[in-house]
Amino acid sequence: MTNTTRVKPPIWFWIVSVLALLWNLLGVMAYLAQVNMTDETLAALPEAERALYENQPIWATMAFAIAVWGGALGSLALLLRKRWARAVLLISLIGIIVQNDPFVFFKQ
């Protein structure tokens, strides 16, 4: 018979995990607002902002999706203390890097 003990995480772990989940859920909401933007909403934007949305390449939108959905899933897994949380959060980080510094991966 083996005894397995689980170490209780400190309070800061729970605070950081909840804040990370809330932050990433805000990112998910921003992503959903962007991809579900209607033509009327797009037309109401200032010209410069509309051009940003219209000229955004598909890989940037995909990187945005990977970053926010991966971050939300990874944060939830962190709260549930799953081992795979680290891998999902790393994938989310890669999405953030690609989205914010595309020249590392894509030459224009």
PDB file of N, CA and C in Angstrom:
ATOM      1  N   MET A   1       0.838  -1.172   0.000  1.00  0.00           N
ATOM      2  CA  MET A   1       0.000   0.000   0.000  1.00  0.00           C
ATOM      3  C   MET A   1       0.894   1.251   0.000  1.00  0.00           C
ATOM      4  N   THR A   2       0.625   2.141  -0.915  1.00  0.00           N
ATOM      5  CA  THR A   2       1.441   3.346  -0.997  1.00  0.00           C
ATOM      6  C   THR A   2       0.633   4.543  -0.540  1.00  0.00           C
ATOM      7  N   ASN A   3       1.315   5.409   0.129  1.00  0.00           N
ATOM      8  CA  ASN A   3       0.682   6.655   0.550  1.00  0.00           C
ATOM      9  C   ASN A   3       1.135   7.757  -0.388  1.00  0.00           C
ATOM     10  N   THR A   4       0.182   8.415  -0.984  1.00  0.00           N
ATOM     11  CA  THR A   4       0.510   9.563  -1.824  1.00  0.00           C
ATOM     12  C   THR A   4      -0.056  10.799  -1.154  1.00  0.00           C
ATOM     13  N   THR A   5       0.778  11.770  -1.024  1.00  0.00           N
ATOM     14  CA  THR A   5       0.330  13.025  -0.432  1.00  0.00           C
ATOM     15  C   THR A   5       0.418  14.115  -1.478  1.00  0.00           C
ATOM     16  N   ARG A   6      -0.572  14.945  -1.473  1.00  0.00           N
ATOM     17  CA  ARG A   6      -0.576  16.098  -2.370  1.00  0.00           C
ATOM     18  C   ARG A   6      -0.175  17.319  -1.579  1.00  0.00           C
ATOM     19  N   VAL A   7       0.740  18.039  -2.127  1.00  0.00           N
ATOM     20  CA  VAL A   7       1.186  19.266  -1.481  1.00  0.00           C
ATOM     21  C   VAL A   7       0.156  20.347  -1.769  1.00  0.00           C
ATOM     22  N   LYS A   8      -0.268  21.007  -0.726  1.00  0.00           N
ATOM     23  CA  LYS A   8      -1.235  22.087  -0.884  1.00  0.00           C
ATOM     24  C   LYS A   8      -0.501  23.330  -1.394  1.00  0.00           C
ATOM     25  N   PRO A   9      -0.947  23.872  -2.541  1.00  0.00           N
ATOM     26  CA  PRO A   9      -0.261  25.060  -3.066  1.00  0.00           C
ATOM     27  C   PRO A   9      -0.510  26.282  -2.181  1.00  0.00           C
ATOM     28  N   PRO A  10       0.424  27.214  -2.205  1.00  0.00           N
ATOM     29  CA  PRO A  10       0.251  28.434  -1.408  1.00  0.00           C
ATOM     30  C   PRO A  10      -0.870  29.307  -1.977  1.00  0.00           C
ATOM     31  N   ILE A  11      -1.319  30.238  -1.189  1.00  0.00           N
ATOM     32  CA  ILE A  11      -2.446  31.100  -1.576  1.00  0.00           C
ATOM     33  C   ILE A  11      -2.122  31.913  -2.824  1.00  0.00           C
ATOM     34  N   TRP A  12      -0.845  32.314  -2.985  1.00  0.00           N
ATOM     35  CA  TRP A  12      -0.494  33.109  -4.167  1.00  0.00           C
ATOM     36  C   TRP A  12      -0.714  32.317  -5.449  1.00  0.00           C
ATOM     37  N   PHE A  13      -0.574  30.988  -5.394  1.00  0.00           N
ATOM     38  CA  PHE A  13      -0.824  30.145  -6.567  1.00  0.00           C
ATOM     39  C   PHE A  13      -2.264  30.314  -7.038  1.00  0.00           C
ATOM     40  N   TRP A  14      -3.200  30.280  -6.099  1.00  0.00           N
ATOM     41  CA  TRP A  14      -4.614  30.403  -6.453  1.00  0.00           C
ATOM     42  C   TRP A  14      -4.923  31.808  -6.961  1.00  0.00           C
ATOM     43  N   ILE A  15      -4.332  32.814  -6.341  1.00  0.00           N
ATOM     44  CA  ILE A  15      -4.573  34.197  -6.777  1.00  0.00           C
ATOM     45  C   ILE A  15      -4.061  34.405  -8.200  1.00  0.00           C
ATOM     46  N   VAL A  16      -2.837  33.980  -8.459  1.00  0.00           N
ATOM     47  CA  VAL A  16      -2.246  34.135  -9.793  1.00  0.00           C
ATOM     48  C   VAL A  16      -3.024  33.324 -10.826  1.00  0.00           C
ATOM     49  N   SER A  17      -3.437  32.124 -10.470  1.00  0.00           N
ATOM     50  CA  SER A  17      -4.175  31.272 -11.409  1.00  0.00           C
ATOM     51  C   SER A  17      -5.522  31.881 -11.779  1.00  0.00           C
ATOM     52  N   VAL A  18      -6.236  32.400 -10.793  1.00  0.00           N
ATOM     53  CA  VAL A  18      -7.541  33.024 -11.066  1.00  0.00           C
ATOM     54  C   VAL A  18      -7.355  34.284 -11.907  1.00  0.00           C
ATOM     55  N   LEU A  19      -6.369  35.110 -11.561  1.00  0.00           N
ATOM     56  CA  LEU A  19      -6.115  36.322 -12.350  1.00  0.00           C
ATOM     57  C   LEU A  19      -5.716  35.975 -13.784  1.00  0.00           C
ATOM     58  N   ALA A  20      -4.910  34.937 -13.956  1.00  0.00           N
ATOM     59  CA  ALA A  20      -4.516  34.511 -15.305  1.00  0.00           C
ATOM     60  C   ALA A  20      -5.729  34.040 -16.098  1.00  0.00           C
ATOM     61  N   LEU A  21      -6.614  33.290 -15.456  1.00  0.00           N
ATOM     62  CA  LEU A  21      -7.818  32.829 -16.149  1.00  0.00           C
ATOM     63  C   LEU A  21      -8.697  34.006 -16.549  1.00  0.00           C
ATOM     64  N   LEU A  22      -8.906  34.949 -15.640  1.00  0.00           N
ATOM     65  CA  LEU A  22      -9.726  36.122 -15.960  1.00  0.00           C
ATOM     66  C   LEU A  22      -9.105  36.933 -17.096  1.00  0.00           C
ATOM     67  N   TRP A  23      -7.792  37.132 -17.050  1.00  0.00           N
ATOM     68  CA  TRP A  23      -7.093  37.876 -18.100  1.00  0.00           C
ATOM     69  C   TRP A  23      -7.270  37.199 -19.456  1.00  0.00           C
ATOM     70  N   ASN A  24      -7.090  35.885 -19.478  1.00  0.00           N
ATOM     71  CA  ASN A  24      -7.203  35.154 -20.736  1.00  0.00           C
ATOM     72  C   ASN A  24      -8.642  35.085 -21.230  1.00  0.00           C
ATOM     73  N   LEU A  25      -9.612  35.076 -20.327  1.00  0.00           N
ATOM     74  CA  LEU A  25     -11.013  35.125 -20.754  1.00  0.00           C
ATOM     75  C   LEU A  25     -11.336  36.477 -21.393  1.00  0.00           C
ATOM     76  N   LEU A  26     -10.708  37.546 -20.915  1.00  0.00           N
ATOM     77  CA  LEU A  26     -10.852  38.846 -21.582  1.00  0.00           C
ATOM     78  C   LEU A  26     -10.277  38.779 -22.994  1.00  0.00           C
ATOM     79  N   GLY A  27      -9.163  38.079 -23.153  1.00  0.00           N
ATOM     80  CA  GLY A  27      -8.583  37.885 -24.481  1.00  0.00           C
ATOM     81  C   GLY A  27      -9.503  37.092 -25.391  1.00  0.00           C
ATOM     82  N   VAL A  28     -10.149  36.061 -24.847  1.00  0.00           N
ATOM     83  CA  VAL A  28     -11.110  35.273 -25.631  1.00  0.00           C
ATOM     84  C   VAL A  28     -12.262  36.163 -26.081  1.00  0.00           C
ATOM     85  N   MET A  29     -12.753  37.026 -25.182  1.00  0.00           N
ATOM     86  CA  MET A  29     -13.844  37.935 -25.557  1.00  0.00           C
ATOM     87  C   MET A  29     -13.400  38.892 -26.659  1.00  0.00           C
ATOM     88  N   ALA A  30     -12.177  39.406 -26.576  1.00  0.00           N
ATOM     89  CA  ALA A  30     -11.663  40.302 -27.617  1.00  0.00           C
ATOM     90  C   ALA A  30     -11.534  39.567 -28.943  1.00  0.00           C
ATOM     91  N   TYR A  31     -11.059  38.327 -28.895  1.00  0.00           N
ATOM     92  CA  TYR A  31     -10.936  37.525 -30.118  1.00  0.00           C
ATOM     93  C   TYR A  31     -12.306  37.292 -30.746  1.00  0.00           C
ATOM     94  N   LEU A  32     -13.279  36.885 -29.937  1.00  0.00           N
ATOM     95  CA  LEU A  32     -14.621  36.633 -30.469  1.00  0.00           C
ATOM     96  C   LEU A  32     -15.246  37.905 -31.037  1.00  0.00           C
ATOM     97  N   ALA A  33     -15.004  39.035 -30.381  1.00  0.00           N
ATOM     98  CA  ALA A  33     -15.518  40.306 -30.898  1.00  0.00           C
ATOM     99  C   ALA A  33     -14.889  40.636 -32.247  1.00  0.00           C
ATOM    100  N   GLN A  34     -13.610  40.329 -32.396  1.00  0.00           N
ATOM    101  CA  GLN A  34     -12.928  40.625 -33.658  1.00  0.00           C
ATOM    102  C   GLN A  34     -13.414  39.731 -34.791  1.00  0.00           C
ATOM    103  N   VAL A  35     -13.496  38.431 -34.551  1.00  0.00           N
ATOM    104  CA  VAL A  35     -13.851  37.520 -35.648  1.00  0.00           C
ATOM    105  C   VAL A  35     -15.339  37.557 -35.977  1.00  0.00           C
ATOM    106  N   ASN A  36     -16.165  38.053 -35.065  1.00  0.00           N
ATOM    107  CA  ASN A  36     -17.602  38.136 -35.321  1.00  0.00           C
ATOM    108  C   ASN A  36     -18.054  39.548 -35.667  1.00  0.00           C
ATOM    109  N   MET A  37     -17.106  40.409 -36.009  1.00  0.00           N
ATOM    110  CA  MET A  37     -17.428  41.792 -36.341  1.00  0.00           C
ATOM    111  C   MET A  37     -18.227  41.847 -37.642  1.00  0.00           C
ATOM    112  N   THR A  38     -19.348  42.540 -37.599  1.00  0.00           N
ATOM    113  CA  THR A  38     -20.193  42.656 -38.791  1.00  0.00           C
ATOM    114  C   THR A  38     -19.642  43.729 -39.724  1.00  0.00           C
ATOM    115  N   ASP A  39     -20.131  43.716 -40.948  1.00  0.00           N
ATOM    116  CA  ASP A  39     -19.717  44.735 -41.917  1.00  0.00           C
ATOM    117  C   ASP A  39     -20.134  46.127 -41.458  1.00  0.00           C
ATOM    118  N   GLU A  40     -21.286  46.224 -40.793  1.00  0.00           N
ATOM    119  CA  GLU A  40     -21.759  47.523 -40.301  1.00  0.00           C
ATOM    120  C   GLU A  40     -20.835  48.056 -39.203  1.00  0.00           C
ATOM    121  N   THR A  41     -20.426  47.180 -38.308  1.00  0.00           N
ATOM    122  CA  THR A  41     -19.510  47.586 -37.239  1.00  0.00           C
ATOM    123  C   THR A  41     -18.166  47.993 -37.821  1.00  0.00           C
ATOM    124  N   LEU A  42     -17.694  47.232 -38.787  1.00  0.00           N
ATOM    125  CA  LEU A  42     -16.423  47.537 -39.436  1.00  0.00           C
ATOM    126  C   LEU A  42     -16.498  48.881 -40.159  1.00  0.00           C
ATOM    127  N   ALA A  43     -17.623  49.151 -40.806  1.00  0.00           N
ATOM    128  CA  ALA A  43     -17.791  50.412 -41.533  1.00  0.00           C
ATOM    129  C   ALA A  43     -17.838  51.610 -40.588  1.00  0.00           C
ATOM    130  N   ALA A  44     -18.273  51.388 -39.348  1.00  0.00           N
ATOM    131  CA  ALA A  44     -18.377  52.482 -38.387  1.00  0.00           C
ATOM    132  C   ALA A  44     -17.029  52.856 -37.766  1.00  0.00           C
ATOM    133  N   LEU A  45     -16.019  52.032 -37.970  1.00  0.00           N
ATOM    134  CA  LEU A  45     -14.699  52.309 -37.399  1.00  0.00           C
ATOM    135  C   LEU A  45     -13.994  53.421 -38.171  1.00  0.00           C
ATOM    136  N   PRO A  46     -13.075  54.131 -37.518  1.00  0.00           N
ATOM    137  CA  PRO A  46     -12.244  55.096 -38.247  1.00  0.00           C
ATOM    138  C   PRO A  46     -11.434  54.379 -39.330  1.00  0.00           C
ATOM    139  N   GLU A  47     -11.102  55.086 -40.372  1.00  0.00           N
ATOM    140  CA  GLU A  47     -10.431  54.499 -41.538  1.00  0.00           C
ATOM    141  C   GLU A  47      -9.160  53.733 -41.171  1.00  0.00           C
ATOM    142  N   ALA A  48      -8.342  54.311 -40.309  1.00  0.00           N
ATOM    143  CA  ALA A  48      -7.077  53.658 -39.942  1.00  0.00           C
ATOM    144  C   ALA A  48      -7.323  52.340 -39.207  1.00  0.00           C
ATOM    145  N   GLU A  49      -8.285  52.334 -38.300  1.00  0.00           N
ATOM    146  CA  GLU A  49      -8.587  51.111 -37.552  1.00  0.00           C
ATOM    147  C   GLU A  49      -9.223  50.060 -38.453  1.00  0.00           C
ATOM    148  N   ARG A  50     -10.091  50.500 -39.345  1.00  0.00           N
ATOM    149  CA  ARG A  50     -10.723  49.576 -40.299  1.00  0.00           C
ATOM    150  C   ARG A  50      -9.657  48.922 -41.182  1.00  0.00           C
ATOM    151  N   ALA A  51      -8.669  49.696 -41.605  1.00  0.00           N
ATOM    152  CA  ALA A  51      -7.595  49.152 -42.438  1.00  0.00           C
ATOM    153  C   ALA A  51      -6.799  48.083 -41.686  1.00  0.00           C
ATOM    154  N   LEU A  52      -6.609  48.274 -40.382  1.00  0.00           N
ATOM    155  CA  LEU A  52      -5.908  47.261 -39.585  1.00  0.00           C
ATOM    156  C   LEU A  52      -6.656  45.930 -39.603  1.00  0.00           C
ATOM    157  N   TYR A  53      -7.960  45.979 -39.427  1.00  0.00           N
ATOM    158  CA  TYR A  53      -8.759  44.751 -39.426  1.00  0.00           C
ATOM    159  C   TYR A  53      -8.822  44.120 -40.813  1.00  0.00           C
ATOM    160  N   GLU A  54      -8.979  44.948 -41.835  1.00  0.00           N
ATOM    161  CA  GLU A  54      -9.133  44.417 -43.193  1.00  0.00           C
ATOM    162  C   GLU A  54      -7.832  43.834 -43.746  1.00  0.00           C
ATOM    163  N   ASN A  55      -6.704  44.363 -43.319  1.00  0.00           N
ATOM    164  CA  ASN A  55      -5.416  43.918 -43.864  1.00  0.00           C
ATOM    165  C   ASN A  55      -4.685  42.916 -42.979  1.00  0.00           C
ATOM    166  N   GLN A  56      -5.320  42.477 -41.908  1.00  0.00           N
ATOM    167  CA  GLN A  56      -4.663  41.519 -41.017  1.00  0.00           C
ATOM    168  C   GLN A  56      -4.602  40.152 -41.695  1.00  0.00           C
ATOM    169  N   PRO A  57      -3.408  39.574 -41.813  1.00  0.00           N
ATOM    170  CA  PRO A  57      -3.292  38.263 -42.465  1.00  0.00           C
ATOM    171  C   PRO A  57      -3.922  37.161 -41.610  1.00  0.00           C
ATOM    172  N   ILE A  58      -4.303  36.079 -42.267  1.00  0.00           N
ATOM    173  CA  ILE A  58      -4.978  34.981 -41.580  1.00  0.00           C
ATOM    174  C   ILE A  58      -4.076  34.348 -40.519  1.00  0.00           C
ATOM    175  N   TRP A  59      -2.761  34.302 -40.768  1.00  0.00           N
ATOM    176  CA  TRP A  59      -1.875  33.688 -39.777  1.00  0.00           C
ATOM    177  C   TRP A  59      -1.850  34.493 -38.483  1.00  0.00           C
ATOM    178  N   ALA A  60      -2.042  35.811 -38.571  1.00  0.00           N
ATOM    179  CA  ALA A  60      -2.065  36.638 -37.364  1.00  0.00           C
ATOM    180  C   ALA A  60      -3.330  36.361 -36.551  1.00  0.00           C
ATOM    181  N   THR A  61      -4.448  36.170 -37.252  1.00  0.00           N
ATOM    182  CA  THR A  61      -5.693  35.817 -36.569  1.00  0.00           C
ATOM    183  C   THR A  61      -5.580  34.433 -35.937  1.00  0.00           C
ATOM    184  N   MET A  62      -4.939  33.509 -36.641  1.00  0.00           N
ATOM    185  CA  MET A  62      -4.742  32.167 -36.092  1.00  0.00           C
ATOM    186  C   MET A  62      -3.832  32.210 -34.858  1.00  0.00           C
ATOM    187  N   ALA A  63      -2.786  33.011 -34.911  1.00  0.00           N
ATOM    188  CA  ALA A  63      -1.889  33.139 -33.757  1.00  0.00           C
ATOM    189  C   ALA A  63      -2.624  33.763 -32.572  1.00  0.00           C
ATOM    190  N   PHE A  64      -3.492  34.734 -32.845  1.00  0.00           N
ATOM    191  CA  PHE A  64      -4.315  35.363 -31.814  1.00  0.00           C
ATOM    192  C   PHE A  64      -5.210  34.310 -31.162  1.00  0.00           C
ATOM    193  N   ALA A  65      -5.841  33.477 -31.987  1.00  0.00           N
ATOM    194  CA  ALA A  65      -6.721  32.425 -31.466  1.00  0.00           C
ATOM    195  C   ALA A  65      -5.943  31.436 -30.599  1.00  0.00           C
ATOM    196  N   ILE A  66      -4.797  31.000 -31.078  1.00  0.00           N
ATOM    197  CA  ILE A  66      -3.979  30.047 -30.314  1.00  0.00           C
ATOM    198  C   ILE A  66      -3.540  30.668 -28.990  1.00  0.00           C
ATOM    199  N   ALA A  67      -3.167  31.943 -29.033  1.00  0.00           N
ATOM    200  CA  ALA A  67      -2.701  32.621 -27.824  1.00  0.00           C
ATOM    201  C   ALA A  67      -3.802  32.713 -26.774  1.00  0.00           C
ATOM    202  N   VAL A  68      -4.988  33.182 -27.160  1.00  0.00           N
ATOM    203  CA  VAL A  68      -6.027  33.411 -26.150  1.00  0.00           C
ATOM    204  C   VAL A  68      -6.720  32.128 -25.709  1.00  0.00           C
ATOM    205  N   TRP A  69      -7.026  31.244 -26.650  1.00  0.00           N
ATOM    206  CA  TRP A  69      -7.684  29.987 -26.260  1.00  0.00           C
ATOM    207  C   TRP A  69      -6.718  29.094 -25.491  1.00  0.00           C
ATOM    208  N   GLY A  70      -5.466  29.056 -25.924  1.00  0.00           N
ATOM    209  CA  GLY A  70      -4.465  28.286 -25.188  1.00  0.00           C
ATOM    210  C   GLY A  70      -4.231  28.847 -23.798  1.00  0.00           C
ATOM    211  N   GLY A  71      -4.207  30.168 -23.696  1.00  0.00           N
ATOM    212  CA  GLY A  71      -4.025  30.793 -22.385  1.00  0.00           C
ATOM    213  C   GLY A  71      -5.180  30.508 -21.445  1.00  0.00           C
ATOM    214  N   ALA A  72      -6.401  30.574 -21.969  1.00  0.00           N
ATOM    215  CA  ALA A  72      -7.571  30.292 -21.130  1.00  0.00           C
ATOM    216  C   ALA A  72      -7.596  28.827 -20.701  1.00  0.00           C
ATOM    217  N   LEU A  73      -7.351  27.926 -21.647  1.00  0.00           N
ATOM    218  CA  LEU A  73      -7.346  26.498 -21.318  1.00  0.00           C
ATOM    219  C   LEU A  73      -6.202  26.161 -20.362  1.00  0.00           C
ATOM    220  N   GLY A  74      -5.039  26.729 -20.608  1.00  0.00           N
ATOM    221  CA  GLY A  74      -3.898  26.485 -19.730  1.00  0.00           C
ATOM    222  C   GLY A  74      -4.117  27.030 -18.330  1.00  0.00           C
ATOM    223  N   SER A  75      -4.743  28.188 -18.225  1.00  0.00           N
ATOM    224  CA  SER A  75      -5.029  28.762 -16.908  1.00  0.00           C
ATOM    225  C   SER A  75      -6.056  27.928 -16.155  1.00  0.00           C
ATOM    226  N   LEU A  76      -7.052  27.436 -16.877  1.00  0.00           N
ATOM    227  CA  LEU A  76      -8.037  26.553 -16.253  1.00  0.00           C
ATOM    228  C   LEU A  76      -7.362  25.261 -15.781  1.00  0.00           C
ATOM    229  N   ALA A  77      -6.491  24.716 -16.612  1.00  0.00           N
ATOM    230  CA  ALA A  77      -5.762  23.501 -16.230  1.00  0.00           C
ATOM    231  C   ALA A  77      -4.859  23.764 -15.026  1.00  0.00           C
ATOM    232  N   LEU A  78      -4.302  24.964 -14.960  1.00  0.00           N
ATOM    233  CA  LEU A  78      -3.476  25.327 -13.810  1.00  0.00           C
ATOM    234  C   LEU A  78      -4.316  25.335 -12.533  1.00  0.00           C
ATOM    235  N   LEU A  79      -5.516  25.904 -12.629  1.00  0.00           N
ATOM    236  CA  LEU A  79      -6.420  25.902 -11.477  1.00  0.00           C
ATOM    237  C   LEU A  79      -6.793  24.486 -11.055  1.00  0.00           C
ATOM    238  N   LEU A  80      -6.936  23.602 -12.033  1.00  0.00           N
ATOM    239  CA  LEU A  80      -7.278  22.210 -11.748  1.00  0.00           C
ATOM    240  C   LEU A  80      -6.045  21.374 -11.406  1.00  0.00           C
ATOM    241  N   ARG A  81      -4.870  22.018 -11.452  1.00  0.00           N
ATOM    242  CA  ARG A  81      -3.581  21.400 -11.127  1.00  0.00           C
ATOM    243  C   ARG A  81      -3.273  20.202 -12.021  1.00  0.00           C
ATOM    244  N   LYS A  82      -3.482  20.402 -13.312  1.00  0.00           N
ATOM    245  CA  LYS A  82      -3.185  19.363 -14.300  1.00  0.00           C
ATOM    246  C   LYS A  82      -1.744  19.515 -14.778  1.00  0.00           C
ATOM    247  N   ARG A  83      -1.097  18.401 -15.021  1.00  0.00           N
ATOM    248  CA  ARG A  83       0.304  18.424 -15.466  1.00  0.00           C
ATOM    249  C   ARG A  83       0.453  19.048 -16.846  1.00  0.00           C
ATOM    250  N   TRP A  84      -0.545  18.893 -17.698  1.00  0.00           N
ATOM    251  CA  TRP A  84      -0.448  19.374 -19.068  1.00  0.00           C
ATOM    252  C   TRP A  84      -0.666  20.881 -19.178  1.00  0.00           C
ATOM    253  N   ALA A  85      -0.928  21.553 -18.071  1.00  0.00           N
ATOM    254  CA  ALA A  85      -1.128  23.009 -18.104  1.00  0.00           C
ATOM    255  C   ALA A  85       0.103  23.718 -18.662  1.00  0.00           C
ATOM    256  N   ARG A  86       1.276  23.257 -18.279  1.00  0.00           N
ATOM    257  CA  ARG A  86       2.520  23.895 -18.728  1.00  0.00           C
ATOM    258  C   ARG A  86       2.653  23.833 -20.248  1.00  0.00           C
ATOM    259  N   ALA A  87       2.348  22.677 -20.844  1.00  0.00           N
ATOM    260  CA  ALA A  87       2.467  22.520 -22.298  1.00  0.00           C
ATOM    261  C   ALA A  87       1.487  23.435 -23.028  1.00  0.00           C
ATOM    262  N   VAL A  88       0.265  23.520 -22.527  1.00  0.00           N
ATOM    263  CA  VAL A  88      -0.741  24.370 -23.181  1.00  0.00           C
ATOM    264  C   VAL A  88      -0.360  25.841 -23.049  1.00  0.00           C
ATOM    265  N   LEU A  89       0.132  26.234 -21.891  1.00  0.00           N
ATOM    266  CA  LEU A  89       0.560  27.623 -21.713  1.00  0.00           C
ATOM    267  C   LEU A  89       1.777  27.948 -22.575  1.00  0.00           C
ATOM    268  N   LEU A  90       2.642  26.988 -22.803  1.00  0.00           N
ATOM    269  CA  LEU A  90       3.781  27.189 -23.700  1.00  0.00           C
ATOM    270  C   LEU A  90       3.307  27.386 -25.139  1.00  0.00           C
ATOM    271  N   ILE A  91       2.323  26.615 -25.569  1.00  0.00           N
ATOM    272  CA  ILE A  91       1.745  26.788 -26.909  1.00  0.00           C
ATOM    273  C   ILE A  91       1.117  28.172 -27.020  1.00  0.00           C
ATOM    274  N   SER A  92       0.433  28.608 -25.968  1.00  0.00           N
ATOM    275  CA  SER A  92      -0.143  29.953 -25.944  1.00  0.00           C
ATOM    276  C   SER A  92       0.947  31.016 -26.076  1.00  0.00           C
ATOM    277  N   LEU A  93       2.050  30.825 -25.382  1.00  0.00           N
ATOM    278  CA  LEU A  93       3.174  31.768 -25.466  1.00  0.00           C
ATOM    279  C   LEU A  93       3.725  31.840 -26.884  1.00  0.00           C
ATOM    280  N   ILE A  94       3.823  30.706 -27.538  1.00  0.00           N
ATOM    281  CA  ILE A  94       4.287  30.694 -28.932  1.00  0.00           C
ATOM    282  C   ILE A  94       3.321  31.492 -29.809  1.00  0.00           C
ATOM    283  N   GLY A  95       2.009  31.339 -29.572  1.00  0.00           N
ATOM    284  CA  GLY A  95       1.020  32.130 -30.305  1.00  0.00           C
ATOM    285  C   GLY A  95       1.204  33.617 -30.082  1.00  0.00           C
ATOM    286  N   ILE A  96       1.509  34.007 -28.858  1.00  0.00           N
ATOM    287  CA  ILE A  96       1.743  35.420 -28.539  1.00  0.00           C
ATOM    288  C   ILE A  96       2.973  35.938 -29.274  1.00  0.00           C
ATOM    289  N   ILE A  97       4.041  35.147 -29.269  1.00  0.00           N
ATOM    290  CA  ILE A  97       5.280  35.569 -29.934  1.00  0.00           C
ATOM    291  C   ILE A  97       5.056  35.729 -31.433  1.00  0.00           C
ATOM    292  N   VAL A  98       4.382  34.776 -32.050  1.00  0.00           N
ATOM    293  CA  VAL A  98       4.115  34.858 -33.493  1.00  0.00           C
ATOM    294  C   VAL A  98       3.241  36.063 -33.801  1.00  0.00           C
ATOM    295  N   GLN A  99       2.241  36.299 -32.980  1.00  0.00           N
ATOM    296  CA  GLN A  99       1.323  37.411 -33.210  1.00  0.00           C
ATOM    297  C   GLN A  99       2.021  38.759 -33.069  1.00  0.00           C
ATOM    298  N   ASN A 100       2.900  38.885 -32.090  1.00  0.00           N
ATOM    299  CA  ASN A 100       3.519  40.173 -31.806  1.00  0.00           C
ATOM    300  C   ASN A 100       4.838  40.416 -32.510  1.00  0.00           C
ATOM    301  N   ASP A 101       5.509  39.378 -32.949  1.00  0.00           N
ATOM    302  CA  ASP A 101       6.771  39.536 -33.661  1.00  0.00           C
ATOM    303  C   ASP A 101       6.798  38.594 -34.860  1.00  0.00           C
ATOM    304  N   PRO A 102       5.981  38.895 -35.869  1.00  0.00           N
ATOM    305  CA  PRO A 102       5.844  37.961 -36.989  1.00  0.00           C
ATOM    306  C   PRO A 102       7.119  37.797 -37.804  1.00  0.00           C
ATOM    307  N   PHE A 103       8.028  38.747 -37.740  1.00  0.00           N
ATOM    308  CA  PHE A 103       9.222  38.665 -38.572  1.00  0.00           C
ATOM    309  C   PHE A 103      10.164  37.556 -38.110  1.00  0.00           C
ATOM    310  N   VAL A 104       9.938  37.058 -36.897  1.00  0.00           N
ATOM    311  CA  VAL A 104      10.715  35.916 -36.429  1.00  0.00           C
ATOM    312  C   VAL A 104      10.374  34.689 -37.264  1.00  0.00           C
ATOM    313  N   PHE A 105       9.106  34.574 -37.680  1.00  0.00           N
ATOM    314  CA  PHE A 105       8.642  33.374 -38.367  1.00  0.00           C
ATOM    315  C   PHE A 105       8.296  33.592 -39.836  1.00  0.00           C
ATOM    316  N   PHE A 106       7.872  34.791 -40.180  1.00  0.00           N
ATOM    317  CA  PHE A 106       7.408  35.047 -41.541  1.00  0.00           C
ATOM    318  C   PHE A 106       8.156  36.229 -42.135  1.00  0.00           C
ATOM    319  N   LYS A 107       8.708  36.042 -43.301  1.00  0.00           N
ATOM    320  CA  LYS A 107       9.356  37.140 -44.023  1.00  0.00           C
ATOM    321  C   LYS A 107       8.316  37.765 -44.944  1.00  0.00           C
ATOM    322  N   GLN A 108       8.292  39.082 -44.962  1.00  0.00           N
ATOM    323  CA  GLN A 108       7.326  39.756 -45.828  1.00  0.00           C
ATOM    324  C   GLN A 108       8.024  40.358 -47.020  1.00  0.00           C
TER     325      GLN A 108
END
